[in-house]
Amino acid sequence: MEFRLEQPRDIRLVTAHGPGWVEIDRQRHETNLILTPETVAPWFEGGFDALDEPALEPLLALRPELVLIATGATLRRPPVPLLRRLAAAGQGFEFMTLAAACRTYNVTASEGRRVVAGLILT
């Protein structure tokens, strides 16, 4: 028996990643990104320490069922005000490493779910 992974052709997927970069559909990016199955867009400038409530708004405005936030190479705990803002939005959310966020995003997007990933690369 042969198994084949069928991937929808009309969604954006992470094809590779590394320290300070991510590849979406084989196109390399080296700045923070907002990634949805339909779009790739630039996000705020700076590293995890620059993440604030206004930076969350473009993610939440997309009204996803799940928000993934990549914290770079290591898992970082977000400040309490960010957690409160995300909880108040009523959408599921997770903070995870870049590698974990890329994997989770690909699986979730491939399932046809409304997911948005905020990828902090630095």
PDB file of N, CA and C in Angstrom:
ATOM      1  N   MET A   1       0.846  -1.164   0.000  1.00  0.00           N
ATOM      2  CA  MET A   1       0.000   0.000   0.000  1.00  0.00           C
ATOM      3  C   MET A   1       0.896   1.232   0.000  1.00  0.00           C
ATOM      4  N   GLU A   2       0.560   2.186  -0.825  1.00  0.00           N
ATOM      5  CA  GLU A   2       1.339   3.416  -0.904  1.00  0.00           C
ATOM      6  C   GLU A   2       0.521   4.560  -0.333  1.00  0.00           C
ATOM      7  N   PHE A   3       1.181   5.377   0.508  1.00  0.00           N
ATOM      8  CA  PHE A   3       0.540   6.557   1.068  1.00  0.00           C
ATOM      9  C   PHE A   3       1.143   7.786   0.416  1.00  0.00           C
ATOM     10  N   ARG A   4       0.293   8.750   0.123  1.00  0.00           N
ATOM     11  CA  ARG A   4       0.767  10.018  -0.429  1.00  0.00           C
ATOM     12  C   ARG A   4       0.137  11.158   0.352  1.00  0.00           C
ATOM     13  N   LEU A   5       0.956  12.129   0.681  1.00  0.00           N
ATOM     14  CA  LEU A   5       0.446  13.309   1.342  1.00  0.00           C
ATOM     15  C   LEU A   5      -0.120  14.248   0.290  1.00  0.00           C
ATOM     16  N   GLU A   6      -1.402  14.516   0.396  1.00  0.00           N
ATOM     17  CA  GLU A   6      -2.017  15.462  -0.524  1.00  0.00           C
ATOM     18  C   GLU A   6      -2.062  16.810   0.148  1.00  0.00           C
ATOM     19  N   GLN A   7      -1.475  17.801  -0.507  1.00  0.00           N
ATOM     20  CA  GLN A   7      -1.481  19.143   0.023  1.00  0.00           C
ATOM     21  C   GLN A   7      -2.320  20.032  -0.871  1.00  0.00           C
ATOM     22  N   PRO A   8      -3.187  20.810  -0.257  1.00  0.00           N
ATOM     23  CA  PRO A   8      -3.946  21.752  -1.074  1.00  0.00           C
ATOM     24  C   PRO A   8      -2.985  22.673  -1.813  1.00  0.00           C
ATOM     25  N   ARG A   9      -3.262  22.958  -3.047  1.00  0.00           N
ATOM     26  CA  ARG A   9      -2.337  23.739  -3.868  1.00  0.00           C
ATOM     27  C   ARG A   9      -2.508  25.242  -3.693  1.00  0.00           C
ATOM     28  N   ASP A  10      -3.587  25.650  -3.093  1.00  0.00           N
ATOM     29  CA  ASP A  10      -3.851  27.079  -3.023  1.00  0.00           C
ATOM     30  C   ASP A  10      -3.598  27.676  -1.642  1.00  0.00           C
ATOM     31  N   ILE A  11      -2.795  27.018  -0.809  1.00  0.00           N
ATOM     32  CA  ILE A  11      -2.478  27.583   0.500  1.00  0.00           C
ATOM     33  C   ILE A  11      -0.978  27.803   0.634  1.00  0.00           C
ATOM     34  N   ARG A  12      -0.622  28.805   1.421  1.00  0.00           N
ATOM     35  CA  ARG A  12       0.795  29.097   1.715  1.00  0.00           C
ATOM     36  C   ARG A  12       1.281  28.100   2.761  1.00  0.00           C
ATOM     37  N   LEU A  13       2.444  27.504   2.514  1.00  0.00           N
ATOM     38  CA  LEU A  13       3.032  26.562   3.465  1.00  0.00           C
ATOM     39  C   LEU A  13       4.494  26.908   3.713  1.00  0.00           C
ATOM     40  N   VAL A  14       4.957  26.598   4.905  1.00  0.00           N
ATOM     41  CA  VAL A  14       6.360  26.765   5.239  1.00  0.00           C
ATOM     42  C   VAL A  14       7.112  25.586   4.623  1.00  0.00           C
ATOM     43  N   THR A  15       8.115  25.888   3.803  1.00  0.00           N
ATOM     44  CA  THR A  15       8.878  24.826   3.144  1.00  0.00           C
ATOM     45  C   THR A  15      10.247  24.612   3.767  1.00  0.00           C
ATOM     46  N   ALA A  16      10.733  25.568   4.572  1.00  0.00           N
ATOM     47  CA  ALA A  16      11.998  25.419   5.295  1.00  0.00           C
ATOM     48  C   ALA A  16      12.117  26.573   6.279  1.00  0.00           C
ATOM     49  N   HIS A  17      13.000  26.409   7.250  1.00  0.00           N
ATOM     50  CA  HIS A  17      13.266  27.496   8.200  1.00  0.00           C
ATOM     51  C   HIS A  17      14.625  27.276   8.834  1.00  0.00           C
ATOM     52  N   GLY A  18      15.156  28.324   9.393  1.00  0.00           N
ATOM     53  CA  GLY A  18      16.440  28.265  10.077  1.00  0.00           C
ATOM     54  C   GLY A  18      16.602  29.505  10.935  1.00  0.00           C
ATOM     55  N   PRO A  19      17.749  29.657  11.569  1.00  0.00           N
ATOM     56  CA  PRO A  19      17.962  30.818  12.436  1.00  0.00           C
ATOM     57  C   PRO A  19      17.855  32.132  11.646  1.00  0.00           C
ATOM     58  N   GLY A  20      16.836  32.935  11.957  1.00  0.00           N
ATOM     59  CA  GLY A  20      16.672  34.235  11.329  1.00  0.00           C
ATOM     60  C   GLY A  20      16.014  34.240   9.967  1.00  0.00           C
ATOM     61  N   TRP A  21      15.472  33.123   9.524  1.00  0.00           N
ATOM     62  CA  TRP A  21      14.815  33.088   8.219  1.00  0.00           C
ATOM     63  C   TRP A  21      13.745  31.992   8.182  1.00  0.00           C
ATOM     64  N   VAL A  22      12.829  32.165   7.242  1.00  0.00           N
ATOM     65  CA  VAL A  22      11.805  31.163   6.982  1.00  0.00           C
ATOM     66  C   VAL A  22      11.545  31.179   5.486  1.00  0.00           C
ATOM     67  N   GLU A  23      11.194  30.027   4.959  1.00  0.00           N
ATOM     68  CA  GLU A  23      10.892  29.900   3.543  1.00  0.00           C
ATOM     69  C   GLU A  23       9.415  29.552   3.413  1.00  0.00           C
ATOM     70  N   ILE A  24       8.689  30.379   2.668  1.00  0.00           N
ATOM     71  CA  ILE A  24       7.265  30.141   2.410  1.00  0.00           C
ATOM     72  C   ILE A  24       7.134  29.840   0.920  1.00  0.00           C
ATOM     73  N   ASP A  25       6.624  28.669   0.622  1.00  0.00           N
ATOM     74  CA  ASP A  25       6.480  28.247  -0.778  1.00  0.00           C
ATOM     75  C   ASP A  25       7.781  28.469  -1.547  1.00  0.00           C
ATOM     76  N   ARG A  26       8.874  28.090  -0.932  1.00  0.00           N
ATOM     77  CA  ARG A  26      10.232  28.143  -1.503  1.00  0.00           C
ATOM     78  C   ARG A  26      10.763  29.563  -1.727  1.00  0.00           C
ATOM     79  N   GLN A  27      10.138  30.552  -1.087  1.00  0.00           N
ATOM     80  CA  GLN A  27      10.638  31.929  -1.150  1.00  0.00           C
ATOM     81  C   GLN A  27      11.130  32.316   0.248  1.00  0.00           C
ATOM     82  N   ARG A  28      12.402  32.709   0.326  1.00  0.00           N
ATOM     83  CA  ARG A  28      13.034  33.008   1.614  1.00  0.00           C
ATOM     84  C   ARG A  28      12.653  34.400   2.117  1.00  0.00           C
ATOM     85  N   HIS A  29      12.364  34.468   3.435  1.00  0.00           N
ATOM     86  CA  HIS A  29      12.033  35.719   4.116  1.00  0.00           C
ATOM     87  C   HIS A  29      12.926  35.841   5.344  1.00  0.00           C
ATOM     88  N   GLU A  30      13.384  37.060   5.620  1.00  0.00           N
ATOM     89  CA  GLU A  30      14.264  37.282   6.770  1.00  0.00           C
ATOM     90  C   GLU A  30      13.728  38.364   7.699  1.00  0.00           C
ATOM     91  N   THR A  31      12.443  38.648   7.614  1.00  0.00           N
ATOM     92  CA  THR A  31      11.794  39.599   8.510  1.00  0.00           C
ATOM     93  C   THR A  31      10.568  38.933   9.130  1.00  0.00           C
ATOM     94  N   ASN A  32      10.109  39.464  10.240  1.00  0.00           N
ATOM     95  CA  ASN A  32       8.920  38.925  10.896  1.00  0.00           C
ATOM     96  C   ASN A  32       7.745  38.945   9.925  1.00  0.00           C
ATOM     97  N   LEU A  33       6.928  37.896  10.008  1.00  0.00           N
ATOM     98  CA  LEU A  33       5.833  37.731   9.052  1.00  0.00           C
ATOM     99  C   LEU A  33       4.525  37.370   9.731  1.00  0.00           C
ATOM    100  N   ILE A  34       3.448  37.746   9.060  1.00  0.00           N
ATOM    101  CA  ILE A  34       2.128  37.209   9.354  1.00  0.00           C
ATOM    102  C   ILE A  34       1.825  36.236   8.222  1.00  0.00           C
ATOM    103  N   LEU A  35       1.525  35.007   8.594  1.00  0.00           N
ATOM    104  CA  LEU A  35       1.282  33.963   7.608  1.00  0.00           C
ATOM    105  C   LEU A  35      -0.108  33.380   7.809  1.00  0.00           C
ATOM    106  N   THR A  36      -0.883  33.377   6.732  1.00  0.00           N
ATOM    107  CA  THR A  36      -2.177  32.703   6.729  1.00  0.00           C
ATOM    108  C   THR A  36      -2.181  31.768   5.523  1.00  0.00           C
ATOM    109  N   PRO A  37      -3.143  30.887   5.426  1.00  0.00           N
ATOM    110  CA  PRO A  37      -3.197  30.032   4.238  1.00  0.00           C
ATOM    111  C   PRO A  37      -3.308  30.821   2.937  1.00  0.00           C
ATOM    112  N   GLU A  38      -3.810  32.057   3.004  1.00  0.00           N
ATOM    113  CA  GLU A  38      -3.992  32.860   1.800  1.00  0.00           C
ATOM    114  C   GLU A  38      -2.879  33.871   1.545  1.00  0.00           C
ATOM    115  N   THR A  39      -2.207  34.351   2.594  1.00  0.00           N
ATOM    116  CA  THR A  39      -1.287  35.481   2.433  1.00  0.00           C
ATOM    117  C   THR A  39      -0.028  35.361   3.280  1.00  0.00           C
ATOM    118  N   VAL A  40       0.980  36.109   2.840  1.00  0.00           N
ATOM    119  CA  VAL A  40       2.210  36.327   3.608  1.00  0.00           C
ATOM    120  C   VAL A  40       2.387  37.838   3.649  1.00  0.00           C
ATOM    121  N   ALA A  41       2.543  38.406   4.838  1.00  0.00           N
ATOM    122  CA  ALA A  41       2.671  39.859   4.966  1.00  0.00           C
ATOM    123  C   ALA A  41       3.726  40.193   6.009  1.00  0.00           C
ATOM    124  N   PRO A  42       4.392  41.335   5.853  1.00  0.00           N
ATOM    125  CA  PRO A  42       5.353  41.752   6.870  1.00  0.00           C
ATOM    126  C   PRO A  42       4.643  42.048   8.183  1.00  0.00           C
ATOM    127  N   TRP A  43       5.362  41.854   9.272  1.00  0.00           N
ATOM    128  CA  TRP A  43       4.820  42.115  10.604  1.00  0.00           C
ATOM    129  C   TRP A  43       5.670  43.186  11.244  1.00  0.00           C
ATOM    130  N   PHE A  44       5.605  43.368  12.533  1.00  0.00           N
ATOM    131  CA  PHE A  44       6.347  44.414  13.229  1.00  0.00           C
ATOM    132  C   PHE A  44       7.857  44.153  13.141  1.00  0.00           C
ATOM    133  N   GLU A  45       8.637  45.185  13.381  1.00  0.00           N
ATOM    134  CA  GLU A  45      10.095  45.048  13.384  1.00  0.00           C
ATOM    135  C   GLU A  45      10.582  44.787  14.806  1.00  0.00           C
ATOM    136  N   GLY A  46      11.654  44.036  14.920  1.00  0.00           N
ATOM    137  CA  GLY A  46      12.245  43.769  16.223  1.00  0.00           C
ATOM    138  C   GLY A  46      12.053  42.331  16.641  1.00  0.00           C
ATOM    139  N   GLY A  47      12.653  41.994  17.754  1.00  0.00           N
ATOM    140  CA  GLY A  47      12.569  40.641  18.283  1.00  0.00           C
ATOM    141  C   GLY A  47      11.401  40.472  19.237  1.00  0.00           C
ATOM    142  N   PHE A  48      11.422  39.373  19.956  1.00  0.00           N
ATOM    143  CA  PHE A  48      10.331  39.037  20.860  1.00  0.00           C
ATOM    144  C   PHE A  48      10.093  40.135  21.892  1.00  0.00           C
ATOM    145  N   ASP A  49      11.156  40.759  22.381  1.00  0.00           N
ATOM    146  CA  ASP A  49      11.005  41.799  23.405  1.00  0.00           C
ATOM    147  C   ASP A  49      10.252  43.021  22.881  1.00  0.00           C
ATOM    148  N   ALA A  50      10.179  43.203  21.560  1.00  0.00           N
ATOM    149  CA  ALA A  50       9.447  44.326  20.976  1.00  0.00           C
ATOM    150  C   ALA A  50       7.969  44.005  20.748  1.00  0.00           C
ATOM    151  N   LEU A  51       7.567  42.748  20.948  1.00  0.00           N
ATOM    152  CA  LEU A  51       6.172  42.354  20.757  1.00  0.00           C
ATOM    153  C   LEU A  51       5.310  43.034  21.811  1.00  0.00           C
ATOM    154  N   ASP A  52       4.273  43.751  21.347  1.00  0.00           N
ATOM    155  CA  ASP A  52       3.373  44.433  22.262  1.00  0.00           C
ATOM    156  C   ASP A  52       1.932  44.244  21.789  1.00  0.00           C
ATOM    157  N   GLU A  53       1.001  44.796  22.552  1.00  0.00           N
ATOM    158  CA  GLU A  53      -0.415  44.628  22.207  1.00  0.00           C
ATOM    159  C   GLU A  53      -0.765  45.159  20.820  1.00  0.00           C
ATOM    160  N   PRO A  54      -0.292  46.347  20.406  1.00  0.00           N
ATOM    161  CA  PRO A  54      -0.613  46.798  19.048  1.00  0.00           C
ATOM    162  C   PRO A  54      -0.109  45.841  17.963  1.00  0.00           C
ATOM    163  N   ALA A  55       0.986  45.150  18.204  1.00  0.00           N
ATOM    164  CA  ALA A  55       1.499  44.186  17.217  1.00  0.00           C
ATOM    165  C   ALA A  55       0.574  42.981  17.078  1.00  0.00           C
ATOM    166  N   LEU A  56      -0.216  42.700  18.104  1.00  0.00           N
ATOM    167  CA  LEU A  56      -1.156  41.573  18.039  1.00  0.00           C
ATOM    168  C   LEU A  56      -2.375  41.877  17.175  1.00  0.00           C
ATOM    169  N   GLU A  57      -2.726  43.144  17.067  1.00  0.00           N
ATOM    170  CA  GLU A  57      -3.979  43.511  16.400  1.00  0.00           C
ATOM    171  C   GLU A  57      -4.093  43.010  14.957  1.00  0.00           C
ATOM    172  N   PRO A  58      -3.033  43.090  14.120  1.00  0.00           N
ATOM    173  CA  PRO A  58      -3.188  42.559  12.759  1.00  0.00           C
ATOM    174  C   PRO A  58      -3.479  41.052  12.731  1.00  0.00           C
ATOM    175  N   LEU A  59      -2.968  40.323  13.713  1.00  0.00           N
ATOM    176  CA  LEU A  59      -3.249  38.883  13.793  1.00  0.00           C
ATOM    177  C   LEU A  59      -4.711  38.651  14.172  1.00  0.00           C
ATOM    178  N   LEU A  60      -5.167  39.362  15.193  1.00  0.00           N
ATOM    179  CA  LEU A  60      -6.526  39.173  15.687  1.00  0.00           C
ATOM    180  C   LEU A  60      -7.574  39.689  14.704  1.00  0.00           C
ATOM    181  N   ALA A  61      -7.233  40.715  13.940  1.00  0.00           N
ATOM    182  CA  ALA A  61      -8.173  41.277  12.969  1.00  0.00           C
ATOM    183  C   ALA A  61      -8.556  40.270  11.891  1.00  0.00           C
ATOM    184  N   LEU A  62      -7.720  39.268  11.680  1.00  0.00           N
ATOM    185  CA  LEU A  62      -8.017  38.244  10.675  1.00  0.00           C
ATOM    186  C   LEU A  62      -9.055  37.232  11.164  1.00  0.00           C
ATOM    187  N   ARG A  63      -9.401  37.309  12.427  1.00  0.00           N
ATOM    188  CA  ARG A  63     -10.403  36.442  13.053  1.00  0.00           C
ATOM    189  C   ARG A  63     -10.140  34.947  12.833  1.00  0.00           C
ATOM    190  N   PRO A  64      -8.928  34.502  13.139  1.00  0.00           N
ATOM    191  CA  PRO A  64      -8.652  33.075  12.989  1.00  0.00           C
ATOM    192  C   PRO A  64      -9.242  32.286  14.154  1.00  0.00           C
ATOM    193  N   GLU A  65      -9.323  30.986  13.980  1.00  0.00           N
ATOM    194  CA  GLU A  65      -9.711  30.163  15.130  1.00  0.00           C
ATOM    195  C   GLU A  65      -8.492  29.861  15.991  1.00  0.00           C
ATOM    196  N   LEU A  66      -7.283  30.008  15.415  1.00  0.00           N
ATOM    197  CA  LEU A  66      -6.059  29.737  16.152  1.00  0.00           C
ATOM    198  C   LEU A  66      -4.968  30.733  15.756  1.00  0.00           C
ATOM    199  N   VAL A  67      -4.323  31.318  16.756  1.00  0.00           N
ATOM    200  CA  VAL A  67      -3.193  32.213  16.553  1.00  0.00           C
ATOM    201  C   VAL A  67      -1.948  31.503  17.078  1.00  0.00           C
ATOM    202  N   LEU A  68      -0.955  31.341  16.213  1.00  0.00           N
ATOM    203  CA  LEU A  68       0.333  30.775  16.607  1.00  0.00           C
ATOM    204  C   LEU A  68       1.353  31.903  16.599  1.00  0.00           C
ATOM    205  N   ILE A  69       2.118  32.025  17.663  1.00  0.00           N
ATOM    206  CA  ILE A  69       3.153  33.050  17.705  1.00  0.00           C
ATOM    207  C   ILE A  69       4.488  32.368  17.946  1.00  0.00           C
ATOM    208  N   ALA A  70       5.365  32.491  16.952  1.00  0.00           N
ATOM    209  CA  ALA A  70       6.709  31.916  17.043  1.00  0.00           C
ATOM    210  C   ALA A  70       7.604  32.898  17.780  1.00  0.00           C
ATOM    211  N   THR A  71       8.310  32.403  18.787  1.00  0.00           N
ATOM    212  CA  THR A  71       9.152  33.262  19.626  1.00  0.00           C
ATOM    213  C   THR A  71      10.623  33.185  19.243  1.00  0.00           C
ATOM    214  N   GLY A  72      10.932  32.634  18.078  1.00  0.00           N
ATOM    215  CA  GLY A  72      12.325  32.491  17.650  1.00  0.00           C
ATOM    216  C   GLY A  72      12.830  31.087  17.934  1.00  0.00           C
ATOM    217  N   ALA A  73      14.135  30.970  18.125  1.00  0.00           N
ATOM    218  CA  ALA A  73      14.757  29.654  18.311  1.00  0.00           C
ATOM    219  C   ALA A  73      14.437  29.033  19.669  1.00  0.00           C
ATOM    220  N   THR A  74      14.127  29.864  20.645  1.00  0.00           N
ATOM    221  CA  THR A  74      13.800  29.351  21.974  1.00  0.00           C
ATOM    222  C   THR A  74      12.394  29.784  22.371  1.00  0.00           C
ATOM    223  N   LEU A  75      11.768  28.987  23.193  1.00  0.00           N
ATOM    224  CA  LEU A  75      10.435  29.311  23.681  1.00  0.00           C
ATOM    225  C   LEU A  75      10.558  30.401  24.734  1.00  0.00           C
ATOM    226  N   ARG A  76       9.788  31.451  24.564  1.00  0.00           N
ATOM    227  CA  ARG A  76       9.800  32.570  25.509  1.00  0.00           C
ATOM    228  C   ARG A  76       8.403  32.753  26.069  1.00  0.00           C
ATOM    229  N   ARG A  77       8.338  33.118  27.318  1.00  0.00           N
ATOM    230  CA  ARG A  77       7.042  33.386  27.956  1.00  0.00           C
ATOM    231  C   ARG A  77       6.618  34.814  27.662  1.00  0.00           C
ATOM    232  N   PRO A  78       5.402  35.004  27.182  1.00  0.00           N
ATOM    233  CA  PRO A  78       4.930  36.359  26.883  1.00  0.00           C
ATOM    234  C   PRO A  78       4.554  37.106  28.159  1.00  0.00           C
ATOM    235  N   PRO A  79       4.623  38.426  28.123  1.00  0.00           N
ATOM    236  CA  PRO A  79       4.179  39.222  29.267  1.00  0.00           C
ATOM    237  C   PRO A  79       2.674  39.044  29.499  1.00  0.00           C
ATOM    238  N   VAL A  80       2.256  39.211  30.727  1.00  0.00           N
ATOM    239  CA  VAL A  80       0.853  39.027  31.104  1.00  0.00           C
ATOM    240  C   VAL A  80      -0.102  39.900  30.285  1.00  0.00           C
ATOM    241  N   PRO A  81       0.203  41.185  29.994  1.00  0.00           N
ATOM    242  CA  PRO A  81      -0.752  41.964  29.183  1.00  0.00           C
ATOM    243  C   PRO A  81      -1.024  41.348  27.808  1.00  0.00           C
ATOM    244  N   LEU A  82      -0.027  40.717  27.204  1.00  0.00           N
ATOM    245  CA  LEU A  82      -0.259  40.061  25.907  1.00  0.00           C
ATOM    246  C   LEU A  82      -1.178  38.857  26.071  1.00  0.00           C
ATOM    247  N   LEU A  83      -0.966  38.096  27.121  1.00  0.00           N
ATOM    248  CA  LEU A  83      -1.829  36.940  27.376  1.00  0.00           C
ATOM    249  C   LEU A  83      -3.270  37.380  27.616  1.00  0.00           C
ATOM    250  N   ARG A  84      -3.434  38.458  28.378  1.00  0.00           N
ATOM    251  CA  ARG A  84      -4.791  38.968  28.636  1.00  0.00           C
ATOM    252  C   ARG A  84      -5.471  39.410  27.346  1.00  0.00           C
ATOM    253  N   ARG A  85      -4.735  40.109  26.487  1.00  0.00           N
ATOM    254  CA  ARG A  85      -5.316  40.586  25.224  1.00  0.00           C
ATOM    255  C   ARG A  85      -5.732  39.414  24.347  1.00  0.00           C
ATOM    256  N   LEU A  86      -4.889  38.405  24.265  1.00  0.00           N
ATOM    257  CA  LEU A  86      -5.221  37.233  23.456  1.00  0.00           C
ATOM    258  C   LEU A  86      -6.413  36.480  24.041  1.00  0.00           C
ATOM    259  N   ALA A  87      -6.445  36.317  25.348  1.00  0.00           N
ATOM    260  CA  ALA A  87      -7.570  35.623  25.989  1.00  0.00           C
ATOM    261  C   ALA A  87      -8.869  36.385  25.772  1.00  0.00           C
ATOM    262  N   ALA A  88      -8.813  37.713  25.824  1.00  0.00           N
ATOM    263  CA  ALA A  88     -10.011  38.535  25.636  1.00  0.00           C
ATOM    264  C   ALA A  88     -10.556  38.435  24.218  1.00  0.00           C
ATOM    265  N   ALA A  89      -9.695  38.120  23.266  1.00  0.00           N
ATOM    266  CA  ALA A  89     -10.130  38.022  21.870  1.00  0.00           C
ATOM    267  C   ALA A  89     -10.990  36.782  21.624  1.00  0.00           C
ATOM    268  N   GLY A  90     -10.885  35.796  22.498  1.00  0.00           N
ATOM    269  CA  GLY A  90     -11.723  34.610  22.362  1.00  0.00           C
ATOM    270  C   GLY A  90     -11.262  33.621  21.303  1.00  0.00           C
ATOM    271  N   GLN A  91     -10.028  33.786  20.844  1.00  0.00           N
ATOM    272  CA  GLN A  91      -9.482  32.863  19.857  1.00  0.00           C
ATOM    273  C   GLN A  91      -8.424  31.999  20.545  1.00  0.00           C
ATOM    274  N   GLY A  92      -8.231  30.794  20.064  1.00  0.00           N
ATOM    275  CA  GLY A  92      -7.174  29.965  20.606  1.00  0.00           C
ATOM    276  C   GLY A  92      -5.821  30.568  20.255  1.00  0.00           C
ATOM    277  N   PHE A  93      -4.835  30.371  21.106  1.00  0.00           N
ATOM    278  CA  PHE A  93      -3.502  30.891  20.813  1.00  0.00           C
ATOM    279  C   PHE A  93      -2.441  30.015  21.469  1.00  0.00           C
ATOM    280  N   GLU A  94      -1.263  30.029  20.877  1.00  0.00           N
ATOM    281  CA  GLU A  94      -0.108  29.294  21.399  1.00  0.00           C
ATOM    282  C   GLU A  94       1.149  30.082  21.101  1.00  0.00           C
ATOM    283  N   PHE A  95       2.056  30.120  22.053  1.00  0.00           N
ATOM    284  CA  PHE A  95       3.407  30.627  21.846  1.00  0.00           C
ATOM    285  C   PHE A  95       4.303  29.410  21.757  1.00  0.00           C
ATOM    286  N   MET A  96       5.187  29.371  20.767  1.00  0.00           N
ATOM    287  CA  MET A  96       6.060  28.216  20.579  1.00  0.00           C
ATOM    288  C   MET A  96       7.311  28.631  19.821  1.00  0.00           C
ATOM    289  N   THR A  97       8.280  27.738  19.753  1.00  0.00           N
ATOM    290  CA  THR A  97       9.486  28.034  18.990  1.00  0.00           C
ATOM    291  C   THR A  97       9.134  28.170  17.507  1.00  0.00           C
ATOM    292  N   LEU A  98      10.048  28.766  16.746  1.00  0.00           N
ATOM    293  CA  LEU A  98       9.814  28.911  15.309  1.00  0.00           C
ATOM    294  C   LEU A  98       9.600  27.552  14.656  1.00  0.00           C
ATOM    295  N   ALA A  99      10.434  26.581  14.989  1.00  0.00           N
ATOM    296  CA  ALA A  99      10.303  25.253  14.376  1.00  0.00           C
ATOM    297  C   ALA A  99       8.935  24.639  14.680  1.00  0.00           C
ATOM    298  N   ALA A 100       8.505  24.704  15.929  1.00  0.00           N
ATOM    299  CA  ALA A 100       7.209  24.132  16.314  1.00  0.00           C
ATOM    300  C   ALA A 100       6.055  24.891  15.662  1.00  0.00           C
ATOM    301  N   ALA A 101       6.159  26.211  15.592  1.00  0.00           N
ATOM    302  CA  ALA A 101       5.096  27.006  14.972  1.00  0.00           C
ATOM    303  C   ALA A 101       4.969  26.690  13.488  1.00  0.00           C
ATOM    304  N   CYS A 102       6.105  26.503  12.812  1.00  0.00           N
ATOM    305  CA  CYS A 102       6.066  26.168  11.380  1.00  0.00           C
ATOM    306  C   CYS A 102       5.389  24.820  11.154  1.00  0.00           C
ATOM    307  N   ARG A 103       5.753  23.831  11.951  1.00  0.00           N
ATOM    308  CA  ARG A 103       5.125  22.510  11.819  1.00  0.00           C
ATOM    309  C   ARG A 103       3.628  22.569  12.115  1.00  0.00           C
ATOM    310  N   THR A 104       3.285  23.220  13.214  1.00  0.00           N
ATOM    311  CA  THR A 104       1.880  23.300  13.620  1.00  0.00           C
ATOM    312  C   THR A 104       1.060  24.070  12.598  1.00  0.00           C
ATOM    313  N   TYR A 105       1.615  25.174  12.098  1.00  0.00           N
ATOM    314  CA  TYR A 105       0.923  25.945  11.072  1.00  0.00           C
ATOM    315  C   TYR A 105       0.645  25.071   9.845  1.00  0.00           C
ATOM    316  N   ASN A 106       1.657  24.372   9.339  1.00  0.00           N
ATOM    317  CA  ASN A 106       1.481  23.558   8.124  1.00  0.00           C
ATOM    318  C   ASN A 106       0.383  22.519   8.303  1.00  0.00           C
ATOM    319  N   VAL A 107       0.387  21.842   9.440  1.00  0.00           N
ATOM    320  CA  VAL A 107      -0.631  20.816   9.685  1.00  0.00           C
ATOM    321  C   VAL A 107      -2.016  21.454   9.774  1.00  0.00           C
ATOM    322  N   THR A 108      -2.119  22.519  10.546  1.00  0.00           N
ATOM    323  CA  THR A 108      -3.411  23.172  10.757  1.00  0.00           C
ATOM    324  C   THR A 108      -3.958  23.768   9.461  1.00  0.00           C
ATOM    325  N   ALA A 109      -3.095  24.445   8.706  1.00  0.00           N
ATOM    326  CA  ALA A 109      -3.532  25.027   7.428  1.00  0.00           C
ATOM    327  C   ALA A 109      -3.942  23.937   6.444  1.00  0.00           C
ATOM    328  N   SER A 110      -3.197  22.838   6.424  1.00  0.00           N
ATOM    329  CA  SER A 110      -3.513  21.728   5.517  1.00  0.00           C
ATOM    330  C   SER A 110      -4.846  21.073   5.856  1.00  0.00           C
ATOM    331  N   GLU A 111      -5.259  21.193   7.104  1.00  0.00           N
ATOM    332  CA  GLU A 111      -6.566  20.663   7.519  1.00  0.00           C
ATOM    333  C   GLU A 111      -7.708  21.585   7.129  1.00  0.00           C
ATOM    334  N   GLY A 112      -7.381  22.748   6.553  1.00  0.00           N
ATOM    335  CA  GLY A 112      -8.411  23.682   6.140  1.00  0.00           C
ATOM    336  C   GLY A 112      -8.903  24.585   7.256  1.00  0.00           C
ATOM    337  N   ARG A 113      -8.170  24.654   8.356  1.00  0.00           N
ATOM    338  CA  ARG A 113      -8.597  25.485   9.484  1.00  0.00           C
ATOM    339  C   ARG A 113      -8.130  26.927   9.295  1.00  0.00           C
ATOM    340  N   ARG A 114      -8.817  27.856   9.942  1.00  0.00           N
ATOM    341  CA  ARG A 114      -8.463  29.280   9.887  1.00  0.00           C
ATOM    342  C   ARG A 114      -7.380  29.553  10.926  1.00  0.00           C
ATOM    343  N   VAL A 115      -6.154  29.553  10.478  1.00  0.00           N
ATOM    344  CA  VAL A 115      -5.007  29.733  11.350  1.00  0.00           C
ATOM    345  C   VAL A 115      -4.202  30.935  10.863  1.00  0.00           C
ATOM    346  N   VAL A 116      -3.599  31.638  11.802  1.00  0.00           N
ATOM    347  CA  VAL A 116      -2.665  32.709  11.474  1.00  0.00           C
ATOM    348  C   VAL A 116      -1.421  32.486  12.333  1.00  0.00           C
ATOM    349  N   ALA A 117      -0.268  32.632  11.696  1.00  0.00           N
ATOM    350  CA  ALA A 117       0.998  32.505  12.419  1.00  0.00           C
ATOM    351  C   ALA A 117       1.723  33.840  12.387  1.00  0.00           C
ATOM    352  N   GLY A 118       2.106  34.295  13.549  1.00  0.00           N
ATOM    353  CA  GLY A 118       2.964  35.460  13.679  1.00  0.00           C
ATOM    354  C   GLY A 118       4.375  34.935  13.891  1.00  0.00           C
ATOM    355  N   LEU A 119       5.217  35.070  12.900  1.00  0.00           N
ATOM    356  CA  LEU A 119       6.549  34.471  12.948  1.00  0.00           C
ATOM    357  C   LEU A 119       7.582  35.527  13.286  1.00  0.00           C
ATOM    358  N   ILE A 120       8.109  35.456  14.511  1.00  0.00           N
ATOM    359  CA  ILE A 120       9.198  36.337  14.943  1.00  0.00           C
ATOM    360  C   ILE A 120      10.488  35.593  14.629  1.00  0.00           C
ATOM    361  N   LEU A 121      11.287  36.152  13.761  1.00  0.00           N
ATOM    362  CA  LEU A 121      12.474  35.437  13.264  1.00  0.00           C
ATOM    363  C   LEU A 121      13.739  35.804  14.000  1.00  0.00           C
ATOM    364  N   THR A 122      13.746  36.926  14.720  1.00  0.00           N
ATOM    365  CA  THR A 122      14.973  37.341  15.402  1.00  0.00           C
ATOM    366  C   THR A 122      14.896  37.128  16.879  1.00  0.00           C
TER     367      THR A 122
END
